[in-house]
Amino acid sequence: MDFTFAEASVRKTARLVHDLSRDLKLLQSVGHPAVESMIEAPLVEDWVLGYRLEPALIGTVVGHPLLADGPVTTSGIFYMDPSAGFARTLSRYYRLGRRKS
């Protein structure tokens, strides 16, 4: 595998990191995501903080644009504010529903 922009996976990762950077800058400046981002964000129910090689959410997802509703382990978490009800992973925002006890 070639790790240059000739490789589709490298271009995808660059786009995801760019989007993540944009969202983290917004969170730093205003303290919360844009309303539009949260309207489109899938909901994770019965979630716990799990680990891959990085922190991730493990739970039941509802409304994900690429995955069927059901069990999920998200991509790595880059920002999470449970009291505000959201997390930002490498690929997208997630709304946090009830936390698993």
Protein backbone atom coordinates (compact mmCIF):
# COMPACT_ATOMS: atom_id res chain seq x y z
CA MET A 1 0.00 0.00 0.00
CA ASP A 2 1.22 3.47 -0.92
CA PHE A 3 0.75 6.14 1.77
CA THR A 4 0.53 9.08 -0.65
CA PHE A 5 -2.48 11.04 -1.84
CA ALA A 6 -2.63 8.70 -4.83
CA GLU A 7 -4.20 6.22 -2.39
CA ALA A 8 -7.93 6.73 -1.73
CA SER A 9 -7.60 5.72 1.93
CA VAL A 10 -4.96 8.42 2.50
CA ARG A 11 -7.21 11.07 0.93
CA LYS A 12 -10.12 9.88 3.09
CA THR A 13 -8.02 10.04 6.27
CA ALA A 14 -6.82 13.55 5.35
CA ARG A 15 -10.43 14.68 4.87
CA LEU A 16 -11.48 13.14 8.19
CA VAL A 17 -8.60 14.80 10.05
CA HIS A 18 -9.40 18.14 8.37
CA ASP A 19 -13.06 17.84 9.42
CA LEU A 20 -12.02 16.86 12.95
CA SER A 21 -9.67 19.86 13.17
CA ARG A 22 -12.46 22.20 12.04
CA ASP A 23 -14.83 20.78 14.65
CA LEU A 24 -12.27 20.93 17.48
CA LYS A 25 -11.55 24.58 16.65
CA LEU A 26 -15.28 25.32 16.84
CA LEU A 27 -15.55 23.49 20.17
CA GLN A 28 -12.60 25.47 21.50
CA SER A 29 -14.05 28.80 20.43
CA VAL A 30 -17.76 28.41 21.24
CA GLY A 31 -17.85 25.33 23.49
CA HIS A 32 -20.44 23.30 21.58
CA PRO A 33 -21.05 21.80 18.14
CA ALA A 34 -23.09 23.50 15.44
CA VAL A 35 -26.81 22.73 15.71
CA GLU A 36 -26.78 21.18 12.22
CA SER A 37 -24.04 18.74 13.27
CA MET A 38 -26.08 17.52 16.23
CA ILE A 39 -29.30 17.15 14.22
CA GLU A 40 -27.46 14.83 11.81
CA ALA A 41 -25.50 12.99 14.53
CA PRO A 42 -26.37 9.34 15.23
CA LEU A 43 -27.50 8.48 18.78
CA VAL A 44 -25.55 5.95 20.89
CA GLU A 45 -27.63 4.30 23.62
CA ASP A 46 -26.38 2.06 26.46
CA TRP A 47 -22.85 3.38 25.84
CA VAL A 48 -19.67 2.81 27.79
CA LEU A 49 -16.21 4.20 27.19
CA GLY A 50 -14.26 1.37 25.60
CA TYR A 51 -10.80 1.14 24.12
CA ARG A 52 -9.43 -0.02 20.81
CA LEU A 53 -5.91 1.26 20.44
CA GLU A 54 -7.62 4.48 21.41
CA PRO A 55 -10.72 5.44 23.40
CA ALA A 56 -13.97 4.59 21.58
CA LEU A 57 -17.68 4.39 22.31
CA ILE A 58 -19.26 0.96 22.50
CA GLY A 59 -23.03 0.92 22.44
CA THR A 60 -26.15 0.71 20.33
CA VAL A 61 -26.27 3.20 17.47
CA VAL A 62 -29.43 4.67 15.95
CA GLY A 63 -29.44 6.76 12.78
CA HIS A 64 -25.88 6.21 11.58
CA PRO A 65 -25.51 7.25 7.92
CA LEU A 66 -23.47 4.15 6.97
CA LEU A 67 -24.36 1.45 9.51
CA ALA A 68 -27.61 -0.28 10.36
CA ASP A 69 -29.08 0.46 13.79
CA GLY A 70 -27.53 -1.88 16.34
CA PRO A 71 -24.31 -2.65 18.21
CA VAL A 72 -21.32 -0.48 17.34
CA THR A 73 -17.77 0.37 18.35
CA THR A 74 -16.99 3.84 17.08
CA SER A 75 -13.78 5.16 15.64
CA GLY A 76 -11.46 6.84 18.13
CA ILE A 77 -12.81 9.60 20.35
CA PHE A 78 -11.10 12.96 20.05
CA TYR A 79 -13.50 14.97 22.21
CA MET A 80 -16.30 13.95 24.57
CA ASP A 81 -18.52 15.95 26.90
CA PRO A 82 -21.05 13.58 28.52
CA SER A 83 -22.71 16.41 30.46
CA ALA A 84 -23.39 18.21 27.16
CA GLY A 85 -24.46 14.93 25.53
CA PHE A 86 -22.02 14.55 22.65
CA ALA A 87 -18.75 13.02 21.48
CA ARG A 88 -16.59 13.70 18.40
CA THR A 89 -14.80 10.72 16.92
CA LEU A 90 -12.41 10.74 14.00
CA SER A 91 -15.30 10.37 11.58
CA ARG A 92 -18.31 12.20 13.07
CA TYR A 93 -20.25 13.58 16.02
CA TYR A 94 -22.38 11.26 18.15
CA ARG A 95 -25.17 12.31 20.47
CA LEU A 96 -24.94 10.52 23.79
CA GLY A 97 -28.12 8.93 25.09
CA ARG A 98 -28.32 7.10 28.39
CA ARG A 99 -25.07 5.74 29.75
CA LYS A 100 -24.95 2.01 30.49
CA SER A 101 -24.96 1.33 34.22
